[in-house]
Amino acid sequence: MLKLFIRYVYVGVLSDAINLVCFCALFILIIFSQEISNVIAFFVAVMFSFCFNAILMFKAKETSGREASLPLNVKKTYTHPAYEHQCQSWLQALK
C-alpha cells in the first residue's frame, strides 16, 4: 500500500513540475497572457498525469488517442442530442 501511495505522490509531483515549467515557458519566454499560459499548462499537466497514471498505476500497455482526449470530450457528452431532454428539464427547473 505504501508503494502505491509513493507512486501517486511521484506522479503528482511530476505533474506539478510539468505544469510549472510549461506555465513559465509560455508566460516568460513566449509572452502569452497569464490566463492563457495557465490554461494551456493545466491541460498539458492533466494529459501527462492521465497517461502516466494509466501506465504506472494501472499497468496499461498503451493509452489510445480517444482515451487521452477524454477530459476534453466531457462537453460533448452533455450536449449530445440523447441528453437534450435532460438539459431542457434542468433549464425549466432552474426558471
PDB file of N, CA and C in Angstrom:
ATOM      1  N   MET A   1       0.827  -1.196   0.000  1.00  0.00           N
ATOM      2  CA  MET A   1       0.000   0.000   0.000  1.00  0.00           C
ATOM      3  C   MET A   1       0.870   1.259   0.000  1.00  0.00           C
ATOM      4  N   LEU A   2       1.994   1.189   0.702  1.00  0.00           N
ATOM      5  CA  LEU A   2       2.895   2.334   0.744  1.00  0.00           C
ATOM      6  C   LEU A   2       3.508   2.597  -0.632  1.00  0.00           C
ATOM      7  N   LYS A   3       3.814   1.518  -1.374  1.00  0.00           N
ATOM      8  CA  LYS A   3       4.370   1.685  -2.719  1.00  0.00           C
ATOM      9  C   LYS A   3       3.369   2.393  -3.627  1.00  0.00           C
ATOM     10  N   LEU A   4       2.096   2.040  -3.490  1.00  0.00           N
ATOM     11  CA  LEU A   4       1.051   2.668  -4.293  1.00  0.00           C
ATOM     12  C   LEU A   4       0.946   4.156  -3.974  1.00  0.00           C
ATOM     13  N   PHE A   5       0.993   4.488  -2.695  1.00  0.00           N
ATOM     14  CA  PHE A   5       0.935   5.887  -2.279  1.00  0.00           C
ATOM     15  C   PHE A   5       2.132   6.666  -2.819  1.00  0.00           C
ATOM     16  N   ILE A   6       3.309   6.067  -2.757  1.00  0.00           N
ATOM     17  CA  ILE A   6       4.517   6.734  -3.260  1.00  0.00           C
ATOM     18  C   ILE A   6       4.412   6.973  -4.762  1.00  0.00           C
ATOM     19  N   ARG A   7       3.830   6.023  -5.487  1.00  0.00           N
ATOM     20  CA  ARG A   7       3.632   6.220  -6.930  1.00  0.00           C
ATOM     21  C   ARG A   7       2.694   7.390  -7.205  1.00  0.00           C
ATOM     22  N   TYR A   8       1.605   7.472  -6.442  1.00  0.00           N
ATOM     23  CA  TYR A   8       0.674   8.593  -6.612  1.00  0.00           C
ATOM     24  C   TYR A   8       1.368   9.924  -6.340  1.00  0.00           C
ATOM     25  N   VAL A   9       2.158   9.970  -5.288  1.00  0.00           N
ATOM     26  CA  VAL A   9       2.888  11.196  -4.952  1.00  0.00           C
ATOM     27  C   VAL A   9       3.871  11.537  -6.062  1.00  0.00           C
ATOM     28  N   TYR A  10       4.571  10.543  -6.572  1.00  0.00           N
ATOM     29  CA  TYR A  10       5.543  10.736  -7.659  1.00  0.00           C
ATOM     30  C   TYR A  10       4.866  11.330  -8.895  1.00  0.00           C
ATOM     31  N   VAL A  11       3.743  10.771  -9.296  1.00  0.00           N
ATOM     32  CA  VAL A  11       3.019  11.285 -10.464  1.00  0.00           C
ATOM     33  C   VAL A  11       2.507  12.694 -10.192  1.00  0.00           C
ATOM     34  N   GLY A  12       2.023  12.950  -8.996  1.00  0.00           N
ATOM     35  CA  GLY A  12       1.534  14.281  -8.649  1.00  0.00           C
ATOM     36  C   GLY A  12       2.622  15.335  -8.676  1.00  0.00           C
ATOM     37  N   VAL A  13       3.786  15.005  -8.141  1.00  0.00           N
ATOM     38  CA  VAL A  13       4.907  15.951  -8.137  1.00  0.00           C
ATOM     39  C   VAL A  13       5.383  16.212  -9.564  1.00  0.00           C
ATOM     40  N   LEU A  14       5.493  15.159 -10.373  1.00  0.00           N
ATOM     41  CA  LEU A  14       5.888  15.343 -11.774  1.00  0.00           C
ATOM     42  C   LEU A  14       4.866  16.189 -12.534  1.00  0.00           C
ATOM     43  N   SER A  15       3.598  15.951 -12.277  1.00  0.00           N
ATOM     44  CA  SER A  15       2.547  16.724 -12.935  1.00  0.00           C
ATOM     45  C   SER A  15       2.629  18.202 -12.557  1.00  0.00           C
ATOM     46  N   ASP A  16       2.860  18.473 -11.279  1.00  0.00           N
ATOM     47  CA  ASP A  16       3.014  19.864 -10.838  1.00  0.00           C
ATOM     48  C   ASP A  16       4.246  20.512 -11.451  1.00  0.00           C
ATOM     49  N   ALA A  17       5.333  19.751 -11.545  1.00  0.00           N
ATOM     50  CA  ALA A  17       6.555  20.285 -12.150  1.00  0.00           C
ATOM     51  C   ALA A  17       6.339  20.602 -13.628  1.00  0.00           C
ATOM     52  N   ILE A  18       5.644  19.725 -14.333  1.00  0.00           N
ATOM     53  CA  ILE A  18       5.353  19.974 -15.749  1.00  0.00           C
ATOM     54  C   ILE A  18       4.454  21.193 -15.891  1.00  0.00           C
ATOM     55  N   ASN A  19       3.474  21.323 -15.010  1.00  0.00           N
ATOM     56  CA  ASN A  19       2.596  22.488 -15.036  1.00  0.00           C
ATOM     57  C   ASN A  19       3.402  23.770 -14.851  1.00  0.00           C
ATOM     58  N   LEU A  20       4.298  23.785 -13.883  1.00  0.00           N
ATOM     59  CA  LEU A  20       5.100  24.970 -13.592  1.00  0.00           C
ATOM     60  C   LEU A  20       6.046  25.305 -14.741  1.00  0.00           C
ATOM     61  N   VAL A  21       6.737  24.301 -15.265  1.00  0.00           N
ATOM     62  CA  VAL A  21       7.679  24.535 -16.367  1.00  0.00           C
ATOM     63  C   VAL A  21       6.945  25.026 -17.610  1.00  0.00           C
ATOM     64  N   CYS A  22       5.827  24.398 -17.919  1.00  0.00           N
ATOM     65  CA  CYS A  22       5.043  24.804 -19.091  1.00  0.00           C
ATOM     66  C   CYS A  22       4.512  26.229 -18.917  1.00  0.00           C
ATOM     67  N   PHE A  23       4.005  26.539 -17.726  1.00  0.00           N
ATOM     68  CA  PHE A  23       3.496  27.886 -17.473  1.00  0.00           C
ATOM     69  C   PHE A  23       4.601  28.927 -17.621  1.00  0.00           C
ATOM     70  N   CYS A  24       5.755  28.664 -17.004  1.00  0.00           N
ATOM     71  CA  CYS A  24       6.870  29.622 -17.084  1.00  0.00           C
ATOM     72  C   CYS A  24       7.354  29.794 -18.516  1.00  0.00           C
ATOM     73  N   ALA A  25       7.421  28.703 -19.260  1.00  0.00           N
ATOM     74  CA  ALA A  25       7.861  28.795 -20.655  1.00  0.00           C
ATOM     75  C   ALA A  25       6.888  29.633 -21.475  1.00  0.00           C
ATOM     76  N   LEU A  26       5.605  29.427 -21.268  1.00  0.00           N
ATOM     77  CA  LEU A  26       4.607  30.179 -22.037  1.00  0.00           C
ATOM     78  C   LEU A  26       4.523  31.634 -21.587  1.00  0.00           C
ATOM     79  N   PHE A  27       4.576  31.859 -20.287  1.00  0.00           N
ATOM     80  CA  PHE A  27       4.374  33.206 -19.752  1.00  0.00           C
ATOM     81  C   PHE A  27       5.615  34.082 -19.901  1.00  0.00           C
ATOM     82  N   ILE A  28       6.787  33.521 -19.626  1.00  0.00           N
ATOM     83  CA  ILE A  28       8.017  34.319 -19.626  1.00  0.00           C
ATOM     84  C   ILE A  28       8.698  34.318 -20.991  1.00  0.00           C
ATOM     85  N   LEU A  29       8.856  33.141 -21.580  1.00  0.00           N
ATOM     86  CA  LEU A  29       9.606  33.050 -22.833  1.00  0.00           C
ATOM     87  C   LEU A  29       8.775  33.425 -24.061  1.00  0.00           C
ATOM     88  N   ILE A  30       7.555  32.909 -24.133  1.00  0.00           N
ATOM     89  CA  ILE A  30       6.724  33.164 -25.313  1.00  0.00           C
ATOM     90  C   ILE A  30       5.852  34.403 -25.120  1.00  0.00           C
ATOM     91  N   ILE A  31       5.707  34.853 -23.898  1.00  0.00           N
ATOM     92  CA  ILE A  31       4.974  36.060 -23.521  1.00  0.00           C
ATOM     93  C   ILE A  31       3.490  35.973 -23.888  1.00  0.00           C
ATOM     94  N   PHE A  32       2.862  34.872 -23.464  1.00  0.00           N
ATOM     95  CA  PHE A  32       1.408  34.775 -23.518  1.00  0.00           C
ATOM     96  C   PHE A  32       0.864  35.448 -22.261  1.00  0.00           C
ATOM     97  N   SER A  33      -0.433  35.707 -22.248  1.00  0.00           N
ATOM     98  CA  SER A  33      -1.030  36.265 -21.032  1.00  0.00           C
ATOM     99  C   SER A  33      -1.030  35.191 -19.933  1.00  0.00           C
ATOM    100  N   GLN A  34      -1.206  35.642 -18.713  1.00  0.00           N
ATOM    101  CA  GLN A  34      -1.197  34.715 -17.579  1.00  0.00           C
ATOM    102  C   GLN A  34      -2.324  33.692 -17.692  1.00  0.00           C
ATOM    103  N   GLU A  35      -3.497  34.145 -18.095  1.00  0.00           N
ATOM    104  CA  GLU A  35      -4.646  33.250 -18.181  1.00  0.00           C
ATOM    105  C   GLU A  35      -4.434  32.164 -19.226  1.00  0.00           C
ATOM    106  N   ILE A  36      -3.985  32.560 -20.408  1.00  0.00           N
ATOM    107  CA  ILE A  36      -3.770  31.593 -21.488  1.00  0.00           C
ATOM    108  C   ILE A  36      -2.659  30.624 -21.110  1.00  0.00           C
ATOM    109  N   SER A  37      -1.582  31.143 -20.544  1.00  0.00           N
ATOM    110  CA  SER A  37      -0.472  30.284 -20.123  1.00  0.00           C
ATOM    111  C   SER A  37      -0.927  29.273 -19.082  1.00  0.00           C
ATOM    112  N   ASN A  38      -1.740  29.715 -18.149  1.00  0.00           N
ATOM    113  CA  ASN A  38      -2.221  28.834 -17.089  1.00  0.00           C
ATOM    114  C   ASN A  38      -3.138  27.746 -17.640  1.00  0.00           C
ATOM    115  N   VAL A  39      -4.027  28.100 -18.545  1.00  0.00           N
ATOM    116  CA  VAL A  39      -4.954  27.117 -19.121  1.00  0.00           C
ATOM    117  C   VAL A  39      -4.191  26.067 -19.929  1.00  0.00           C
ATOM    118  N   ILE A  40      -3.276  26.508 -20.775  1.00  0.00           N
ATOM    119  CA  ILE A  40      -2.505  25.568 -21.591  1.00  0.00           C
ATOM    120  C   ILE A  40      -1.653  24.665 -20.700  1.00  0.00           C
ATOM    121  N   ALA A  41      -0.987  25.245 -19.710  1.00  0.00           N
ATOM    122  CA  ALA A  41      -0.150  24.455 -18.801  1.00  0.00           C
ATOM    123  C   ALA A  41      -0.991  23.446 -18.021  1.00  0.00           C
ATOM    124  N   PHE A  42      -2.181  23.846 -17.613  1.00  0.00           N
ATOM    125  CA  PHE A  42      -3.078  22.938 -16.892  1.00  0.00           C
ATOM    126  C   PHE A  42      -3.444  21.740 -17.759  1.00  0.00           C
ATOM    127  N   PHE A  43      -3.838  21.994 -19.013  1.00  0.00           N
ATOM    128  CA  PHE A  43      -4.220  20.889 -19.892  1.00  0.00           C
ATOM    129  C   PHE A  43      -3.041  19.974 -20.207  1.00  0.00           C
ATOM    130  N   VAL A  44      -1.860  20.533 -20.377  1.00  0.00           N
ATOM    131  CA  VAL A  44      -0.671  19.701 -20.609  1.00  0.00           C
ATOM    132  C   VAL A  44      -0.410  18.820 -19.386  1.00  0.00           C
ATOM    133  N   ALA A  45      -0.509  19.392 -18.199  1.00  0.00           N
ATOM    134  CA  ALA A  45      -0.272  18.623 -16.972  1.00  0.00           C
ATOM    135  C   ALA A  45      -1.337  17.549 -16.767  1.00  0.00           C
ATOM    136  N   VAL A  46      -2.588  17.858 -17.069  1.00  0.00           N
ATOM    137  CA  VAL A  46      -3.664  16.870 -16.924  1.00  0.00           C
ATOM    138  C   VAL A  46      -3.458  15.710 -17.893  1.00  0.00           C
ATOM    139  N   MET A  47      -3.105  16.020 -19.134  1.00  0.00           N
ATOM    140  CA  MET A  47      -2.864  14.956 -20.115  1.00  0.00           C
ATOM    141  C   MET A  47      -1.677  14.084 -19.695  1.00  0.00           C
ATOM    142  N   PHE A  48      -0.610  14.714 -19.212  1.00  0.00           N
ATOM    143  CA  PHE A  48       0.542  13.948 -18.730  1.00  0.00           C
ATOM    144  C   PHE A  48       0.125  13.057 -17.566  1.00  0.00           C
ATOM    145  N   SER A  49      -0.576  13.628 -16.611  1.00  0.00           N
ATOM    146  CA  SER A  49      -0.978  12.881 -15.427  1.00  0.00           C
ATOM    147  C   SER A  49      -1.876  11.705 -15.803  1.00  0.00           C
ATOM    148  N   PHE A  50      -2.817  11.928 -16.711  1.00  0.00           N
ATOM    149  CA  PHE A  50      -3.728  10.862 -17.144  1.00  0.00           C
ATOM    150  C   PHE A  50      -2.952   9.711 -17.768  1.00  0.00           C
ATOM    151  N   CYS A  51      -2.078  10.037 -18.715  1.00  0.00           N
ATOM    152  CA  CYS A  51      -1.322   8.996 -19.427  1.00  0.00           C
ATOM    153  C   CYS A  51      -0.326   8.301 -18.503  1.00  0.00           C
ATOM    154  N   PHE A  52       0.374   9.070 -17.685  1.00  0.00           N
ATOM    155  CA  PHE A  52       1.381   8.484 -16.807  1.00  0.00           C
ATOM    156  C   PHE A  52       0.731   7.627 -15.725  1.00  0.00           C
ATOM    157  N   ASN A  53      -0.407   8.053 -15.206  1.00  0.00           N
ATOM    158  CA  ASN A  53      -1.131   7.233 -14.234  1.00  0.00           C
ATOM    159  C   ASN A  53      -1.605   5.936 -14.869  1.00  0.00           C
ATOM    160  N   ALA A  54      -2.075   6.011 -16.104  1.00  0.00           N
ATOM    161  CA  ALA A  54      -2.540   4.800 -16.786  1.00  0.00           C
ATOM    162  C   ALA A  54      -1.410   3.796 -16.926  1.00  0.00           C
ATOM    163  N   ILE A  55      -0.223   4.283 -17.245  1.00  0.00           N
ATOM    164  CA  ILE A  55       0.919   3.388 -17.440  1.00  0.00           C
ATOM    165  C   ILE A  55       1.489   2.913 -16.108  1.00  0.00           C
ATOM    166  N   LEU A  56       1.762   3.834 -15.210  1.00  0.00           N
ATOM    167  CA  LEU A  56       2.450   3.498 -13.966  1.00  0.00           C
ATOM    168  C   LEU A  56       1.526   2.854 -12.936  1.00  0.00           C
ATOM    169  N   MET A  57       0.336   3.405 -12.768  1.00  0.00           N
ATOM    170  CA  MET A  57      -0.540   2.934 -11.700  1.00  0.00           C
ATOM    171  C   MET A  57      -1.391   1.743 -12.127  1.00  0.00           C
ATOM    172  N   PHE A  58      -1.933   1.802 -13.330  1.00  0.00           N
ATOM    173  CA  PHE A  58      -2.899   0.794 -13.747  1.00  0.00           C
ATOM    174  C   PHE A  58      -2.316  -0.195 -14.740  1.00  0.00           C
ATOM    175  N   LYS A  59      -1.020  -0.081 -15.005  1.00  0.00           N
ATOM    176  CA  LYS A  59      -0.287  -1.016 -15.856  1.00  0.00           C
ATOM    177  C   LYS A  59      -0.892  -1.143 -17.254  1.00  0.00           C
ATOM    178  N   ALA A  60      -1.431  -0.057 -17.771  1.00  0.00           N
ATOM    179  CA  ALA A  60      -1.971  -0.065 -19.133  1.00  0.00           C
ATOM    180  C   ALA A  60      -0.811  -0.150 -20.112  1.00  0.00           C
ATOM    181  N   LYS A  61      -0.982  -0.953 -21.151  1.00  0.00           N
ATOM    182  CA  LYS A  61       0.075  -1.106 -22.146  1.00  0.00           C
ATOM    183  C   LYS A  61       0.189   0.139 -23.011  1.00  0.00           C
ATOM    184  N   GLU A  62      -0.936   0.722 -23.346  1.00  0.00           N
ATOM    185  CA  GLU A  62      -0.938   1.955 -24.129  1.00  0.00           C
ATOM    186  C   GLU A  62      -2.234   2.690 -23.860  1.00  0.00           C
ATOM    187  N   THR A  63      -2.221   3.972 -24.091  1.00  0.00           N
ATOM    188  CA  THR A  63      -3.443   4.758 -23.997  1.00  0.00           C
ATOM    189  C   THR A  63      -3.741   5.287 -25.383  1.00  0.00           C
ATOM    190  N   SER A  64      -4.931   5.049 -25.830  1.00  0.00           N
ATOM    191  CA  SER A  64      -5.295   5.479 -27.174  1.00  0.00           C
ATOM    192  C   SER A  64      -5.552   6.974 -27.186  1.00  0.00           C
ATOM    193  N   GLY A  65      -5.585   7.531 -28.364  1.00  0.00           N
ATOM    194  CA  GLY A  65      -5.890   8.949 -28.505  1.00  0.00           C
ATOM    195  C   GLY A  65      -7.272   9.269 -27.979  1.00  0.00           C
ATOM    196  N   ARG A  66      -8.199   8.319 -28.138  1.00  0.00           N
ATOM    197  CA  ARG A  66      -9.562   8.532 -27.645  1.00  0.00           C
ATOM    198  C   ARG A  66      -9.568   8.635 -26.123  1.00  0.00           C
ATOM    199  N   GLU A  67      -8.819   7.770 -25.467  1.00  0.00           N
ATOM    200  CA  GLU A  67      -8.746   7.820 -24.007  1.00  0.00           C
ATOM    201  C   GLU A  67      -8.033   9.072 -23.533  1.00  0.00           C
ATOM    202  N   ALA A  68      -6.990   9.457 -24.226  1.00  0.00           N
ATOM    203  CA  ALA A  68      -6.224  10.636 -23.820  1.00  0.00           C
ATOM    204  C   ALA A  68      -7.029  11.909 -23.981  1.00  0.00           C
ATOM    205  N   SER A  69      -7.964  11.920 -24.935  1.00  0.00           N
ATOM    206  CA  SER A  69      -8.772  13.120 -25.145  1.00  0.00           C
ATOM    207  C   SER A  69     -10.034  13.106 -24.296  1.00  0.00           C
ATOM    208  N   LEU A  70     -10.196  12.120 -23.437  1.00  0.00           N
ATOM    209  CA  LEU A  70     -11.399  12.005 -22.619  1.00  0.00           C
ATOM    210  C   LEU A  70     -11.719  13.260 -21.819  1.00  0.00           C
ATOM    211  N   PRO A  71     -10.749  13.883 -21.118  1.00  0.00           N
ATOM    212  CA  PRO A  71     -11.109  15.096 -20.375  1.00  0.00           C
ATOM    213  C   PRO A  71     -11.613  16.222 -21.272  1.00  0.00           C
ATOM    214  N   LEU A  72     -11.220  16.223 -22.544  1.00  0.00           N
ATOM    215  CA  LEU A  72     -11.663  17.274 -23.449  1.00  0.00           C
ATOM    216  C   LEU A  72     -13.034  16.986 -24.041  1.00  0.00           C
ATOM    217  N   ASN A  73     -13.491  15.727 -23.983  1.00  0.00           N
ATOM    218  CA  ASN A  73     -14.751  15.338 -24.596  1.00  0.00           C
ATOM    219  C   ASN A  73     -15.926  15.353 -23.631  1.00  0.00           C
ATOM    220  N   VAL A  74     -15.739  15.824 -22.434  1.00  0.00           N
ATOM    221  CA  VAL A  74     -16.819  15.831 -21.451  1.00  0.00           C
ATOM    222  C   VAL A  74     -17.974  16.695 -21.926  1.00  0.00           C
ATOM    223  N   LYS A  75     -17.676  17.827 -22.533  1.00  0.00           N
ATOM    224  CA  LYS A  75     -18.733  18.725 -23.000  1.00  0.00           C
ATOM    225  C   LYS A  75     -19.590  18.051 -24.061  1.00  0.00           C
ATOM    226  N   LYS A  76     -18.991  17.239 -24.929  1.00  0.00           N
ATOM    227  CA  LYS A  76     -19.748  16.557 -25.974  1.00  0.00           C
ATOM    228  C   LYS A  76     -20.802  15.643 -25.376  1.00  0.00           C
ATOM    229  N   THR A  77     -20.503  15.025 -24.256  1.00  0.00           N
ATOM    230  CA  THR A  77     -21.450  14.116 -23.626  1.00  0.00           C
ATOM    231  C   THR A  77     -22.713  14.859 -23.218  1.00  0.00           C
ATOM    232  N   TYR A  78     -22.571  16.042 -22.672  1.00  0.00           N
ATOM    233  CA  TYR A  78     -23.726  16.766 -22.168  1.00  0.00           C
ATOM    234  C   TYR A  78     -24.437  17.574 -23.243  1.00  0.00           C
ATOM    235  N   THR A  79     -23.836  17.703 -24.414  1.00  0.00           N
ATOM    236  CA  THR A  79     -24.512  18.413 -25.493  1.00  0.00           C
ATOM    237  C   THR A  79     -25.000  17.451 -26.564  1.00  0.00           C
ATOM    238  N   HIS A  80     -24.863  16.157 -26.334  1.00  0.00           N
ATOM    239  CA  HIS A  80     -25.317  15.151 -27.283  1.00  0.00           C
ATOM    240  C   HIS A  80     -26.847  15.179 -27.327  1.00  0.00           C
ATOM    241  N   PRO A  81     -27.444  14.974 -28.509  1.00  0.00           N
ATOM    242  CA  PRO A  81     -28.912  15.021 -28.616  1.00  0.00           C
ATOM    243  C   PRO A  81     -29.637  14.060 -27.681  1.00  0.00           C
ATOM    244  N   ALA A  82     -29.026  12.945 -27.354  1.00  0.00           N
ATOM    245  CA  ALA A  82     -29.687  11.989 -26.462  1.00  0.00           C
ATOM    246  C   ALA A  82     -29.906  12.573 -25.071  1.00  0.00           C
ATOM    247  N   TYR A  83     -29.103  13.544 -24.687  1.00  0.00           N
ATOM    248  CA  TYR A  83     -29.225  14.160 -23.368  1.00  0.00           C
ATOM    249  C   TYR A  83     -29.981  15.487 -23.413  1.00  0.00           C
ATOM    250  N   GLU A  84     -30.474  15.829 -24.581  1.00  0.00           N
ATOM    251  CA  GLU A  84     -31.123  17.130 -24.734  1.00  0.00           C
ATOM    252  C   GLU A  84     -32.354  17.259 -23.847  1.00  0.00           C
ATOM    253  N   HIS A  85     -33.149  16.193 -23.737  1.00  0.00           N
ATOM    254  CA  HIS A  85     -34.347  16.269 -22.902  1.00  0.00           C
ATOM    255  C   HIS A  85     -33.993  16.512 -21.439  1.00  0.00           C
ATOM    256  N   GLN A  86     -32.888  15.934 -20.969  1.00  0.00           N
ATOM    257  CA  GLN A  86     -32.460  16.179 -19.594  1.00  0.00           C
ATOM    258  C   GLN A  86     -32.040  17.626 -19.411  1.00  0.00           C
ATOM    259  N   CYS A  87     -31.323  18.160 -20.395  1.00  0.00           N
ATOM    260  CA  CYS A  87     -30.887  19.552 -20.305  1.00  0.00           C
ATOM    261  C   CYS A  87     -32.086  20.490 -20.290  1.00  0.00           C
ATOM    262  N   GLN A  88     -33.084  20.181 -21.117  1.00  0.00           N
ATOM    263  CA  GLN A  88     -34.275  21.029 -21.158  1.00  0.00           C
ATOM    264  C   GLN A  88     -35.009  20.996 -19.816  1.00  0.00           C
ATOM    265  N   SER A  89     -35.117  19.813 -19.219  1.00  0.00           N
ATOM    266  CA  SER A  89     -35.813  19.732 -17.932  1.00  0.00           C
ATOM    267  C   SER A  89     -35.019  20.447 -16.837  1.00  0.00           C
ATOM    268  N   TRP A  90     -33.685  20.397 -16.910  1.00  0.00           N
ATOM    269  CA  TRP A  90     -32.870  21.120 -15.931  1.00  0.00           C
ATOM    270  C   TRP A  90     -33.052  22.620 -16.087  1.00  0.00           C
ATOM    271  N   LEU A  91     -33.101  23.084 -17.332  1.00  0.00           N
ATOM    272  CA  LEU A  91     -33.280  24.513 -17.566  1.00  0.00           C
ATOM    273  C   LEU A  91     -34.650  24.975 -17.075  1.00  0.00           C
ATOM    274  N   GLN A  92     -35.673  24.165 -17.292  1.00  0.00           N
ATOM    275  CA  GLN A  92     -37.006  24.526 -16.815  1.00  0.00           C
ATOM    276  C   GLN A  92     -37.054  24.532 -15.292  1.00  0.00           C
ATOM    277  N   ALA A  93     -36.356  23.617 -14.670  1.00  0.00           N
ATOM    278  CA  ALA A  93     -36.341  23.557 -13.208  1.00  0.00           C
ATOM    279  C   ALA A  93     -35.634  24.770 -12.617  1.00  0.00           C
ATOM    280  N   LEU A  94     -34.663  25.312 -13.337  1.00  0.00           N
ATOM    281  CA  LEU A  94     -33.937  26.476 -12.843  1.00  0.00           C
ATOM    282  C   LEU A  94     -34.743  27.763 -12.968  1.00  0.00           C
ATOM    283  N   LYS A  95     -35.733  27.779 -13.850  1.00  0.00           N
ATOM    284  CA  LYS A  95     -36.516  29.011 -14.054  1.00  0.00           C
ATOM    285  C   LYS A  95     -37.508  29.249 -12.971  1.00  0.00           C
TER     286      LYS A  95
END
